[in-house]
Amino acid sequence: MGFRSKALALVAASLAATVPAVADLAVVFTKDEIAIIHDYYAQPNDGAGKGQQKKPKSKPLPPGITKNLTRGKPLPPGIAKQELPNDLIQRLPPVRDGYERVMVDGRLLLVAVATQVIADVLSDAIFN
């Protein structure tokens, strides 16, 4: 193996160690999950629990943090994650092992539990 080949192999190995695994990015919301989520938020609130609302009401995140809520990036430390409503969780299929579904700033995120890296984002599910 020549010097050039060894150098390329070294560069490739170092990149592989620093770039997030592509397999993690292959985990996404399925078409069925997206349909269930859109249907859930399209239904009018039936008023069955005063004070319970499907659409979260909170102050929007600063633009610098919002732009980091994308695939392949870790959740910012200390960000306020909300659980999905229980009736929506019951409608959805079980989440994949090692992942969780959370809501942040009106977006539904699929996040790797161990690394907190975002695998997928649904930004228009709640407010269409």
C-alpha atoms as a PDB file:
ATOM      1  CA  MET A   1       0.000   0.000   0.000  1.00  0.00           C
ATOM      2  CA  GLY A   2       1.447   3.326  -1.041  1.00  0.00           C
ATOM      3  CA  PHE A   3       1.682   6.520   0.981  1.00  0.00           C
ATOM      4  CA  ARG A   4      -1.339   8.032  -0.755  1.00  0.00           C
ATOM      5  CA  SER A   5      -3.515   4.975  -0.064  1.00  0.00           C
ATOM      6  CA  LYS A   6      -2.480   4.937   3.594  1.00  0.00           C
ATOM      7  CA  ALA A   7      -3.239   8.653   3.930  1.00  0.00           C
ATOM      8  CA  LEU A   8      -6.688   8.229   2.362  1.00  0.00           C
ATOM      9  CA  ALA A   9      -7.424   5.264   4.621  1.00  0.00           C
ATOM     10  CA  LEU A  10      -6.405   7.319   7.672  1.00  0.00           C
ATOM     11  CA  VAL A  11      -8.627  10.245   6.635  1.00  0.00           C
ATOM     12  CA  ALA A  12     -11.564   7.916   5.975  1.00  0.00           C
ATOM     13  CA  ALA A  13     -11.140   6.260   9.384  1.00  0.00           C
ATOM     14  CA  SER A  14     -11.011   9.581  11.208  1.00  0.00           C
ATOM     15  CA  LEU A  15     -14.124  10.850   9.390  1.00  0.00           C
ATOM     16  CA  ALA A  16     -16.003   7.668  10.225  1.00  0.00           C
ATOM     17  CA  ALA A  17     -15.254   8.235  13.904  1.00  0.00           C
ATOM     18  CA  THR A  18     -16.550  11.828  13.939  1.00  0.00           C
ATOM     19  CA  VAL A  19     -19.583  11.754  11.617  1.00  0.00           C
ATOM     20  CA  PRO A  20     -22.907  10.487  13.072  1.00  0.00           C
ATOM     21  CA  ALA A  21     -23.816   7.026  11.911  1.00  0.00           C
ATOM     22  CA  VAL A  22     -25.884   7.060   8.743  1.00  0.00           C
ATOM     23  CA  ALA A  23     -27.915   4.129  10.082  1.00  0.00           C
ATOM     24  CA  ASP A  24     -29.244   6.386  12.863  1.00  0.00           C
ATOM     25  CA  LEU A  25     -30.510   8.846  10.268  1.00  0.00           C
ATOM     26  CA  ALA A  26     -32.418   6.073   8.508  1.00  0.00           C
ATOM     27  CA  VAL A  27     -34.856   5.879  11.432  1.00  0.00           C
ATOM     28  CA  VAL A  28     -37.767   8.127  10.498  1.00  0.00           C
ATOM     29  CA  PHE A  29     -41.457   8.588  11.149  1.00  0.00           C
ATOM     30  CA  THR A  30     -43.325   6.098   8.953  1.00  0.00           C
ATOM     31  CA  LYS A  31     -46.113   7.140   6.591  1.00  0.00           C
ATOM     32  CA  ASP A  32     -48.618   5.501   8.942  1.00  0.00           C
ATOM     33  CA  GLU A  33     -47.269   7.408  11.956  1.00  0.00           C
ATOM     34  CA  ILE A  34     -47.401  10.686  10.031  1.00  0.00           C
ATOM     35  CA  ALA A  35     -50.999  10.014   8.977  1.00  0.00           C
ATOM     36  CA  ILE A  36     -52.041   9.208  12.561  1.00  0.00           C
ATOM     37  CA  ILE A  37     -50.354  12.355  13.895  1.00  0.00           C
ATOM     38  CA  HIS A  38     -51.892  14.601  11.208  1.00  0.00           C
ATOM     39  CA  ASP A  39     -55.348  13.075  11.803  1.00  0.00           C
ATOM     40  CA  TYR A  40     -55.009  13.537  15.551  1.00  0.00           C
ATOM     41  CA  TYR A  41     -54.180  17.234  15.317  1.00  0.00           C
ATOM     42  CA  ALA A  42     -56.744  17.851  12.565  1.00  0.00           C
ATOM     43  CA  GLN A  43     -59.596  16.801  14.877  1.00  0.00           C
ATOM     44  CA  PRO A  44     -61.261  19.613  16.798  1.00  0.00           C
ATOM     45  CA  ASN A  45     -60.789  19.561  20.558  1.00  0.00           C
ATOM     46  CA  ASP A  46     -63.886  17.866  21.974  1.00  0.00           C
ATOM     47  CA  GLY A  47     -63.749  19.849  25.219  1.00  0.00           C
ATOM     48  CA  ALA A  48     -63.537  16.626  27.222  1.00  0.00           C
ATOM     49  CA  GLY A  49     -61.165  18.019  29.813  1.00  0.00           C
ATOM     50  CA  LYS A  50     -61.206  21.673  30.513  1.00  0.00           C
ATOM     51  CA  GLY A  51     -57.707  22.970  30.368  1.00  0.00           C
ATOM     52  CA  GLN A  52     -56.526  20.083  28.217  1.00  0.00           C
ATOM     53  CA  GLN A  53     -55.528  21.238  24.803  1.00  0.00           C
ATOM     54  CA  LYS A  54     -53.976  19.288  21.994  1.00  0.00           C
ATOM     55  CA  LYS A  55     -51.885  22.157  20.714  1.00  0.00           C
ATOM     56  CA  PRO A  56     -49.165  23.271  23.089  1.00  0.00           C
ATOM     57  CA  LYS A  57     -49.002  26.905  24.099  1.00  0.00           C
ATOM     58  CA  SER A  58     -45.533  28.110  24.932  1.00  0.00           C
ATOM     59  CA  LYS A  59     -43.091  30.827  24.031  1.00  0.00           C
ATOM     60  CA  PRO A  60     -41.239  30.076  20.795  1.00  0.00           C
ATOM     61  CA  LEU A  61     -37.578  29.132  21.001  1.00  0.00           C
ATOM     62  CA  PRO A  62     -34.886  31.582  19.927  1.00  0.00           C
ATOM     63  CA  PRO A  63     -34.004  31.264  16.214  1.00  0.00           C
ATOM     64  CA  GLY A  64     -30.490  29.981  16.974  1.00  0.00           C
ATOM     65  CA  ILE A  65     -31.879  27.018  18.883  1.00  0.00           C
ATOM     66  CA  THR A  66     -34.751  26.433  16.454  1.00  0.00           C
ATOM     67  CA  LYS A  67     -32.394  26.000  13.506  1.00  0.00           C
ATOM     68  CA  ASN A  68     -30.613  23.221  15.406  1.00  0.00           C
ATOM     69  CA  LEU A  69     -33.781  21.123  15.673  1.00  0.00           C
ATOM     70  CA  THR A  70     -32.883  19.159  12.545  1.00  0.00           C
ATOM     71  CA  ARG A  71     -31.957  15.607  11.635  1.00  0.00           C
ATOM     72  CA  GLY A  72     -28.535  14.489  12.706  1.00  0.00           C
ATOM     73  CA  LYS A  73     -28.057  17.190  15.350  1.00  0.00           C
ATOM     74  CA  PRO A  74     -28.246  16.565  19.084  1.00  0.00           C
ATOM     75  CA  LEU A  75     -30.963  18.215  21.123  1.00  0.00           C
ATOM     76  CA  PRO A  76     -29.611  21.350  22.800  1.00  0.00           C
ATOM     77  CA  PRO A  77     -28.821  20.708  26.484  1.00  0.00           C
ATOM     78  CA  GLY A  78     -31.596  21.639  28.873  1.00  0.00           C
ATOM     79  CA  ILE A  79     -34.230  22.040  26.148  1.00  0.00           C
ATOM     80  CA  ALA A  80     -37.800  21.612  27.379  1.00  0.00           C
ATOM     81  CA  LYS A  81     -39.165  18.386  25.925  1.00  0.00           C
ATOM     82  CA  GLN A  82     -42.864  17.599  26.222  1.00  0.00           C
ATOM     83  CA  GLU A  83     -44.424  14.183  26.089  1.00  0.00           C
ATOM     84  CA  LEU A  84     -46.995  13.486  23.421  1.00  0.00           C
ATOM     85  CA  PRO A  85     -50.617  13.391  24.630  1.00  0.00           C
ATOM     86  CA  ASN A  86     -51.559   9.957  26.014  1.00  0.00           C
ATOM     87  CA  ASP A  87     -54.413   9.438  23.559  1.00  0.00           C
ATOM     88  CA  LEU A  88     -52.026  10.097  20.657  1.00  0.00           C
ATOM     89  CA  ILE A  89     -49.446   7.686  22.112  1.00  0.00           C
ATOM     90  CA  GLN A  90     -52.141   5.002  22.281  1.00  0.00           C
ATOM     91  CA  ARG A  91     -52.980   5.479  18.590  1.00  0.00           C
ATOM     92  CA  LEU A  92     -49.368   5.267  17.420  1.00  0.00           C
ATOM     93  CA  PRO A  93     -47.453   2.007  17.024  1.00  0.00           C
ATOM     94  CA  PRO A  94     -44.746   1.399  19.633  1.00  0.00           C
ATOM     95  CA  VAL A  95     -41.657   3.532  19.147  1.00  0.00           C
ATOM     96  CA  ARG A  96     -38.524   1.757  17.923  1.00  0.00           C
ATOM     97  CA  ASP A  97     -36.131   0.436  20.563  1.00  0.00           C
ATOM     98  CA  GLY A  98     -33.638   3.067  21.624  1.00  0.00           C
ATOM     99  CA  TYR A  99     -35.767   6.008  20.427  1.00  0.00           C
ATOM    100  CA  GLU A 100     -38.378   8.297  21.904  1.00  0.00           C
ATOM    101  CA  ARG A 101     -40.971  10.648  20.440  1.00  0.00           C
ATOM    102  CA  VAL A 102     -40.999  14.090  22.032  1.00  0.00           C
ATOM    103  CA  MET A 103     -42.487  17.475  21.298  1.00  0.00           C
ATOM    104  CA  VAL A 104     -40.283  20.578  21.230  1.00  0.00           C
ATOM    105  CA  ASP A 105     -41.516  24.005  20.139  1.00  0.00           C
ATOM    106  CA  GLY A 106     -44.438  22.636  18.123  1.00  0.00           C
ATOM    107  CA  ARG A 107     -42.343  19.958  16.408  1.00  0.00           C
ATOM    108  CA  LEU A 108     -42.543  16.225  16.912  1.00  0.00           C
ATOM    109  CA  LEU A 109     -39.088  14.717  17.134  1.00  0.00           C
ATOM    110  CA  LEU A 110     -37.850  11.156  16.949  1.00  0.00           C
ATOM    111  CA  VAL A 111     -34.750  11.144  19.161  1.00  0.00           C
ATOM    112  CA  ALA A 112     -32.135   8.502  19.974  1.00  0.00           C
ATOM    113  CA  VAL A 113     -32.357   8.044  23.736  1.00  0.00           C
ATOM    114  CA  ALA A 114     -28.662   7.302  24.306  1.00  0.00           C
ATOM    115  CA  THR A 115     -27.205  10.151  22.239  1.00  0.00           C
ATOM    116  CA  GLN A 116     -30.132  12.617  22.072  1.00  0.00           C
ATOM    117  CA  VAL A 117     -29.459  12.924  18.329  1.00  0.00           C
ATOM    118  CA  ILE A 118     -32.550  13.824  16.305  1.00  0.00           C
ATOM    119  CA  ALA A 119     -33.439  11.090  13.815  1.00  0.00           C
ATOM    120  CA  ASP A 120     -36.513  12.775  12.296  1.00  0.00           C
ATOM    121  CA  VAL A 121     -38.606  15.935  12.635  1.00  0.00           C
ATOM    122  CA  LEU A 122     -42.266  16.640  11.889  1.00  0.00           C
ATOM    123  CA  SER A 123     -42.515  20.395  11.979  1.00  0.00           C
ATOM    124  CA  ASP A 124     -45.924  20.834  10.360  1.00  0.00           C
ATOM    125  CA  ALA A 125     -47.905  18.122  12.133  1.00  0.00           C
ATOM    126  CA  ILE A 126     -49.405  20.231  14.890  1.00  0.00           C
ATOM    127  CA  PHE A 127     -50.142  23.586  13.356  1.00  0.00           C
ATOM    128  CA  ASN A 128     -51.575  22.924   9.862  1.00  0.00           C
END
